[in-house]
Amino acid sequence: MHTLAATRDVRKVALWLGHASVKSTEMYLRVDATEKLAVLEAREAPSLRRGRFEAPDKLLAMLRSP
């Protein structure tokens, strides 16, 4: 929606999303706003644990390798 608002061109949105046809993109753009809000409100927030992230040794080794 941000790309469409910025460019005002559905074809650019289709290219950005990698759709083969503009028809595929139009399907997403025509969804009712109240339906979008209902879907978002039905979602639960992700459960997050307090604490500090500690990267595993395997990840650190991969990042340090040239």
PDB file of N, CA and C in Angstrom:
ATOM      1  N   MET A   1       0.829  -1.185   0.000  1.00  0.00           N
ATOM      2  CA  MET A   1       0.000   0.000   0.000  1.00  0.00           C
ATOM      3  C   MET A   1       0.880   1.260   0.000  1.00  0.00           C
ATOM      4  N   HIS A   2       2.014   1.179   0.696  1.00  0.00           N
ATOM      5  CA  HIS A   2       2.907   2.342   0.716  1.00  0.00           C
ATOM      6  C   HIS A   2       3.493   2.608  -0.668  1.00  0.00           C
ATOM      7  N   THR A   3       3.859   1.537  -1.365  1.00  0.00           N
ATOM      8  CA  THR A   3       4.414   1.690  -2.712  1.00  0.00           C
ATOM      9  C   THR A   3       3.362   2.255  -3.654  1.00  0.00           C
ATOM     10  N   LEU A   4       2.144   1.778  -3.531  1.00  0.00           N
ATOM     11  CA  LEU A   4       1.072   2.303  -4.373  1.00  0.00           C
ATOM     12  C   LEU A   4       0.828   3.775  -4.077  1.00  0.00           C
ATOM     13  N   ALA A   5       0.815   4.152  -2.812  1.00  0.00           N
ATOM     14  CA  ALA A   5       0.603   5.548  -2.446  1.00  0.00           C
ATOM     15  C   ALA A   5       1.739   6.437  -2.967  1.00  0.00           C
ATOM     16  N   ALA A   6       2.951   5.904  -2.945  1.00  0.00           N
ATOM     17  CA  ALA A   6       4.102   6.698  -3.380  1.00  0.00           C
ATOM     18  C   ALA A   6       4.181   6.823  -4.891  1.00  0.00           C
ATOM     19  N   THR A   7       3.854   5.745  -5.611  1.00  0.00           N
ATOM     20  CA  THR A   7       4.039   5.745  -7.063  1.00  0.00           C
ATOM     21  C   THR A   7       2.758   5.979  -7.845  1.00  0.00           C
ATOM     22  N   ARG A   8       1.614   5.664  -7.229  1.00  0.00           N
ATOM     23  CA  ARG A   8       0.312   5.754  -7.899  1.00  0.00           C
ATOM     24  C   ARG A   8       0.268   4.872  -9.151  1.00  0.00           C
ATOM     25  N   ASP A   9       1.030   3.766  -9.119  1.00  0.00           N
ATOM     26  CA  ASP A   9       1.107   2.888 -10.282  1.00  0.00           C
ATOM     27  C   ASP A   9       1.060   1.430  -9.837  1.00  0.00           C
ATOM     28  N   VAL A  10      -0.035   0.749 -10.155  1.00  0.00           N
ATOM     29  CA  VAL A  10      -0.213  -0.645  -9.761  1.00  0.00           C
ATOM     30  C   VAL A  10       0.842  -1.528 -10.418  1.00  0.00           C
ATOM     31  N   ARG A  11       1.284  -1.173 -11.600  1.00  0.00           N
ATOM     32  CA  ARG A  11       2.299  -1.983 -12.289  1.00  0.00           C
ATOM     33  C   ARG A  11       3.601  -2.022 -11.506  1.00  0.00           C
ATOM     34  N   LYS A  12       3.974  -0.899 -10.897  1.00  0.00           N
ATOM     35  CA  LYS A  12       5.201  -0.872 -10.097  1.00  0.00           C
ATOM     36  C   LYS A  12       5.050  -1.716  -8.840  1.00  0.00           C
ATOM     37  N   VAL A  13       3.862  -1.709  -8.262  1.00  0.00           N
ATOM     38  CA  VAL A  13       3.604  -2.548  -7.091  1.00  0.00           C
ATOM     39  C   VAL A  13       3.715  -4.015  -7.488  1.00  0.00           C
ATOM     40  N   ALA A  14       3.155  -4.376  -8.638  1.00  0.00           N
ATOM     41  CA  ALA A  14       3.219  -5.759  -9.124  1.00  0.00           C
ATOM     42  C   ALA A  14       4.674  -6.182  -9.341  1.00  0.00           C
ATOM     43  N   LEU A  15       5.471  -5.309  -9.916  1.00  0.00           N
ATOM     44  CA  LEU A  15       6.884  -5.623 -10.130  1.00  0.00           C
ATOM     45  C   LEU A  15       7.618  -5.784  -8.798  1.00  0.00           C
ATOM     46  N   TRP A  16       7.334  -4.894  -7.858  1.00  0.00           N
ATOM     47  CA  TRP A  16       7.982  -4.920  -6.544  1.00  0.00           C
ATOM     48  C   TRP A  16       7.678  -6.229  -5.816  1.00  0.00           C
ATOM     49  N   LEU A  17       6.417  -6.699  -5.932  1.00  0.00           N
ATOM     50  CA  LEU A  17       6.006  -7.926  -5.258  1.00  0.00           C
ATOM     51  C   LEU A  17       6.352  -9.184  -6.048  1.00  0.00           C
ATOM     52  N   GLY A  18       6.786  -9.011  -7.296  1.00  0.00           N
ATOM     53  CA  GLY A  18       7.159 -10.153  -8.116  1.00  0.00           C
ATOM     54  C   GLY A  18       5.972 -10.881  -8.724  1.00  0.00           C
ATOM     55  N   HIS A  19       4.858 -10.195  -8.859  1.00  0.00           N
ATOM     56  CA  HIS A  19       3.677 -10.818  -9.460  1.00  0.00           C
ATOM     57  C   HIS A  19       3.828 -10.887 -10.973  1.00  0.00           C
ATOM     58  N   ALA A  20       3.391 -11.987 -11.552  1.00  0.00           N
ATOM     59  CA  ALA A  20       3.479 -12.165 -12.998  1.00  0.00           C
ATOM     60  C   ALA A  20       2.439 -11.314 -13.722  1.00  0.00           C
ATOM     61  N   SER A  21       1.362 -10.994 -13.034  1.00  0.00           N
ATOM     62  CA  SER A  21       0.280 -10.242 -13.658  1.00  0.00           C
ATOM     63  C   SER A  21      -0.227  -9.166 -12.697  1.00  0.00           C
ATOM     64  N   VAL A  22      -0.678  -8.059 -13.264  1.00  0.00           N
ATOM     65  CA  VAL A  22      -1.251  -6.983 -12.454  1.00  0.00           C
ATOM     66  C   VAL A  22      -2.549  -7.451 -11.802  1.00  0.00           C
ATOM     67  N   LYS A  23      -3.218  -8.420 -12.417  1.00  0.00           N
ATOM     68  CA  LYS A  23      -4.465  -8.957 -11.848  1.00  0.00           C
ATOM     69  C   LYS A  23      -4.221  -9.562 -10.472  1.00  0.00           C
ATOM     70  N   SER A  24      -3.085 -10.191 -10.302  1.00  0.00           N
ATOM     71  CA  SER A  24      -2.749 -10.763  -8.999  1.00  0.00           C
ATOM     72  C   SER A  24      -2.627  -9.672  -7.944  1.00  0.00           C
ATOM     73  N   THR A  25      -2.035  -8.562  -8.319  1.00  0.00           N
ATOM     74  CA  THR A  25      -1.829  -7.457  -7.397  1.00  0.00           C
ATOM     75  C   THR A  25      -3.150  -6.775  -7.063  1.00  0.00           C
ATOM     76  N   GLU A  26      -4.002  -6.599  -8.045  1.00  0.00           N
ATOM     77  CA  GLU A  26      -5.275  -5.918  -7.824  1.00  0.00           C
ATOM     78  C   GLU A  26      -6.121  -6.635  -6.780  1.00  0.00           C
ATOM     79  N   MET A  27      -6.009  -7.957  -6.721  1.00  0.00           N
ATOM     80  CA  MET A  27      -6.773  -8.721  -5.751  1.00  0.00           C
ATOM     81  C   MET A  27      -6.444  -8.266  -4.325  1.00  0.00           C
ATOM     82  N   TYR A  28      -5.167  -7.992  -4.057  1.00  0.00           N
ATOM     83  CA  TYR A  28      -4.752  -7.562  -2.726  1.00  0.00           C
ATOM     84  C   TYR A  28      -5.138  -6.107  -2.455  1.00  0.00           C
ATOM     85  N   LEU A  29      -5.173  -5.289  -3.481  1.00  0.00           N
ATOM     86  CA  LEU A  29      -5.455  -3.875  -3.299  1.00  0.00           C
ATOM     87  C   LEU A  29      -6.930  -3.599  -3.076  1.00  0.00           C
ATOM     88  N   ARG A  30      -7.785  -4.521  -3.438  1.00  0.00           N
ATOM     89  CA  ARG A  30      -9.221  -4.306  -3.340  1.00  0.00           C
ATOM     90  C   ARG A  30      -9.845  -4.861  -2.059  1.00  0.00           C
ATOM     91  N   VAL A  31      -9.054  -5.344  -1.148  1.00  0.00           N
ATOM     92  CA  VAL A  31      -9.582  -5.870   0.104  1.00  0.00           C
ATOM     93  C   VAL A  31     -10.174  -4.721   0.909  1.00  0.00           C
ATOM     94  N   ASP A  32     -11.320  -4.978   1.505  1.00  0.00           N
ATOM     95  CA  ASP A  32     -12.020  -3.970   2.296  1.00  0.00           C
ATOM     96  C   ASP A  32     -11.189  -3.604   3.537  1.00  0.00           C
ATOM     97  N   ALA A  33     -11.119  -2.335   3.848  1.00  0.00           N
ATOM     98  CA  ALA A  33     -10.314  -1.868   4.983  1.00  0.00           C
ATOM     99  C   ALA A  33     -10.821  -2.441   6.308  1.00  0.00           C
ATOM    100  N   THR A  34     -12.123  -2.569   6.471  1.00  0.00           N
ATOM    101  CA  THR A  34     -12.644  -3.138   7.728  1.00  0.00           C
ATOM    102  C   THR A  34     -12.259  -4.608   7.856  1.00  0.00           C
ATOM    103  N   GLU A  35     -12.178  -5.301   6.725  1.00  0.00           N
ATOM    104  CA  GLU A  35     -11.756  -6.700   6.754  1.00  0.00           C
ATOM    105  C   GLU A  35     -10.287  -6.801   7.157  1.00  0.00           C
ATOM    106  N   LYS A  36      -9.468  -5.897   6.649  1.00  0.00           N
ATOM    107  CA  LYS A  36      -8.054  -5.890   7.017  1.00  0.00           C
ATOM    108  C   LYS A  36      -7.895  -5.653   8.517  1.00  0.00           C
ATOM    109  N   LEU A  37      -8.652  -4.686   9.055  1.00  0.00           N
ATOM    110  CA  LEU A  37      -8.563  -4.397  10.484  1.00  0.00           C
ATOM    111  C   LEU A  37      -9.020  -5.579  11.330  1.00  0.00           C
ATOM    112  N   ALA A  38     -10.063  -6.258  10.894  1.00  0.00           N
ATOM    113  CA  ALA A  38     -10.553  -7.423  11.635  1.00  0.00           C
ATOM    114  C   ALA A  38      -9.492  -8.518  11.691  1.00  0.00           C
ATOM    115  N   VAL A  39      -8.797  -8.727  10.591  1.00  0.00           N
ATOM    116  CA  VAL A  39      -7.746  -9.742  10.558  1.00  0.00           C
ATOM    117  C   VAL A  39      -6.604  -9.351  11.491  1.00  0.00           C
ATOM    118  N   LEU A  40      -6.220  -8.082  11.468  1.00  0.00           N
ATOM    119  CA  LEU A  40      -5.136  -7.630  12.342  1.00  0.00           C
ATOM    120  C   LEU A  40      -5.514  -7.723  13.820  1.00  0.00           C
ATOM    121  N   GLU A  41      -6.761  -7.390  14.145  1.00  0.00           N
ATOM    122  CA  GLU A  41      -7.197  -7.441  15.539  1.00  0.00           C
ATOM    123  C   GLU A  41      -7.303  -8.878  16.048  1.00  0.00           C
ATOM    124  N   ALA A  42      -7.545  -9.824  15.161  1.00  0.00           N
ATOM    125  CA  ALA A  42      -7.675 -11.226  15.559  1.00  0.00           C
ATOM    126  C   ALA A  42      -6.323 -11.851  15.876  1.00  0.00           C
ATOM    127  N   ARG A  43      -5.257 -11.240  15.421  1.00  0.00           N
ATOM    128  CA  ARG A  43      -3.921 -11.785  15.652  1.00  0.00           C
ATOM    129  C   ARG A  43      -3.495 -11.538  17.093  1.00  0.00           C
ATOM    130  N   GLU A  44      -2.755 -12.470  17.636  1.00  0.00           N
ATOM    131  CA  GLU A  44      -2.203 -12.297  18.973  1.00  0.00           C
ATOM    132  C   GLU A  44      -0.804 -11.717  18.863  1.00  0.00           C
ATOM    133  N   ALA A  45      -0.453 -10.943  19.847  1.00  0.00           N
ATOM    134  CA  ALA A  45       0.903 -10.404  19.880  1.00  0.00           C
ATOM    135  C   ALA A  45       1.877 -11.553  20.144  1.00  0.00           C
ATOM    136  N   PRO A  46       3.054 -11.500  19.561  1.00  0.00           N
ATOM    137  CA  PRO A  46       4.016 -12.581  19.795  1.00  0.00           C
ATOM    138  C   PRO A  46       4.441 -12.616  21.262  1.00  0.00           C
ATOM    139  N   SER A  47       4.645 -13.808  21.763  1.00  0.00           N
ATOM    140  CA  SER A  47       5.091 -13.924  23.155  1.00  0.00           C
ATOM    141  C   SER A  47       6.601 -13.709  23.194  1.00  0.00           C
ATOM    142  N   LEU A  48       6.999 -12.764  23.978  1.00  0.00           N
ATOM    143  CA  LEU A  48       8.414 -12.427  24.098  1.00  0.00           C
ATOM    144  C   LEU A  48       8.862 -12.674  25.524  1.00  0.00           C
ATOM    145  N   ARG A  49      10.067 -13.170  25.644  1.00  0.00           N
ATOM    146  CA  ARG A  49      10.619 -13.392  26.971  1.00  0.00           C
ATOM    147  C   ARG A  49      11.614 -12.287  27.276  1.00  0.00           C
ATOM    148  N   ARG A  50      11.603 -11.855  28.506  1.00  0.00           N
ATOM    149  CA  ARG A  50      12.593 -10.869  28.926  1.00  0.00           C
ATOM    150  C   ARG A  50      13.954 -11.548  29.010  1.00  0.00           C
ATOM    151  N   GLY A  51      14.960 -10.785  28.772  1.00  0.00           N
ATOM    152  CA  GLY A  51      16.306 -11.328  28.884  1.00  0.00           C
ATOM    153  C   GLY A  51      17.200 -10.765  27.810  1.00  0.00           C
ATOM    154  N   ARG A  52      18.391 -11.215  27.819  1.00  0.00           N
ATOM    155  CA  ARG A  52      19.389 -10.735  26.869  1.00  0.00           C
ATOM    156  C   ARG A  52      19.689 -11.854  25.875  1.00  0.00           C
ATOM    157  N   PHE A  53      19.743 -11.495  24.603  1.00  0.00           N
ATOM    158  CA  PHE A  53      20.036 -12.486  23.560  1.00  0.00           C
ATOM    159  C   PHE A  53      21.507 -12.857  23.624  1.00  0.00           C
ATOM    160  N   GLU A  54      21.762 -14.139  23.594  1.00  0.00           N
ATOM    161  CA  GLU A  54      23.134 -14.629  23.532  1.00  0.00           C
ATOM    162  C   GLU A  54      23.260 -15.506  22.301  1.00  0.00           C
ATOM    163  N   ALA A  55      24.079 -15.064  21.384  1.00  0.00           N
ATOM    164  CA  ALA A  55      24.262 -15.800  20.125  1.00  0.00           C
ATOM    165  C   ALA A  55      24.991 -17.108  20.394  1.00  0.00           C
ATOM    166  N   PRO A  56      24.566 -18.200  19.756  1.00  0.00           N
ATOM    167  CA  PRO A  56      25.268 -19.484  19.926  1.00  0.00           C
ATOM    168  C   PRO A  56      26.669 -19.427  19.308  1.00  0.00           C
ATOM    169  N   ASP A  57      27.546 -20.261  19.824  1.00  0.00           N
ATOM    170  CA  ASP A  57      28.940 -20.296  19.351  1.00  0.00           C
ATOM    171  C   ASP A  57      29.023 -20.547  17.848  1.00  0.00           C
ATOM    172  N   LYS A  58      28.140 -21.387  17.333  1.00  0.00           N
ATOM    173  CA  LYS A  58      28.147 -21.714  15.897  1.00  0.00           C
ATOM    174  C   LYS A  58      27.883 -20.448  15.059  1.00  0.00           C
ATOM    175  N   LEU A  59      26.945 -19.615  15.511  1.00  0.00           N
ATOM    176  CA  LEU A  59      26.632 -18.369  14.797  1.00  0.00           C
ATOM    177  C   LEU A  59      27.816 -17.408  14.859  1.00  0.00           C
ATOM    178  N   LEU A  60      28.408 -17.262  16.019  1.00  0.00           N
ATOM    179  CA  LEU A  60      29.556 -16.362  16.158  1.00  0.00           C
ATOM    180  C   LEU A  60      30.721 -16.826  15.286  1.00  0.00           C
ATOM    181  N   ALA A  61      30.962 -18.137  15.232  1.00  0.00           N
ATOM    182  CA  ALA A  61      32.044 -18.667  14.408  1.00  0.00           C
ATOM    183  C   ALA A  61      31.789 -18.362  12.931  1.00  0.00           C
ATOM    184  N   MET A  62      30.536 -18.496  12.495  1.00  0.00           N
ATOM    185  CA  MET A  62      30.211 -18.216  11.109  1.00  0.00           C
ATOM    186  C   MET A  62      30.424 -16.726  10.793  1.00  0.00           C
ATOM    187  N   LEU A  63      30.046 -15.866  11.709  1.00  0.00           N
ATOM    188  CA  LEU A  63      30.206 -14.433  11.483  1.00  0.00           C
ATOM    189  C   LEU A  63      31.661 -14.004  11.480  1.00  0.00           C
ATOM    190  N   ARG A  64      32.495 -14.704  12.235  1.00  0.00           N
ATOM    191  CA  ARG A  64      33.916 -14.353  12.308  1.00  0.00           C
ATOM    192  C   ARG A  64      34.707 -14.900  11.136  1.00  0.00           C
ATOM    193  N   SER A  65      34.191 -15.925  10.466  1.00  0.00           N
ATOM    194  CA  SER A  65      34.949 -16.527   9.369  1.00  0.00           C
ATOM    195  C   SER A  65      34.992 -15.590   8.173  1.00  0.00           C
ATOM    196  N   PRO A  66      36.135 -15.590   7.439  1.00  0.00           N
ATOM    197  CA  PRO A  66      36.276 -14.672   6.288  1.00  0.00           C
ATOM    198  C   PRO A  66      35.441 -15.035   5.107  1.00  0.00           C
TER     199      PRO A  66
END
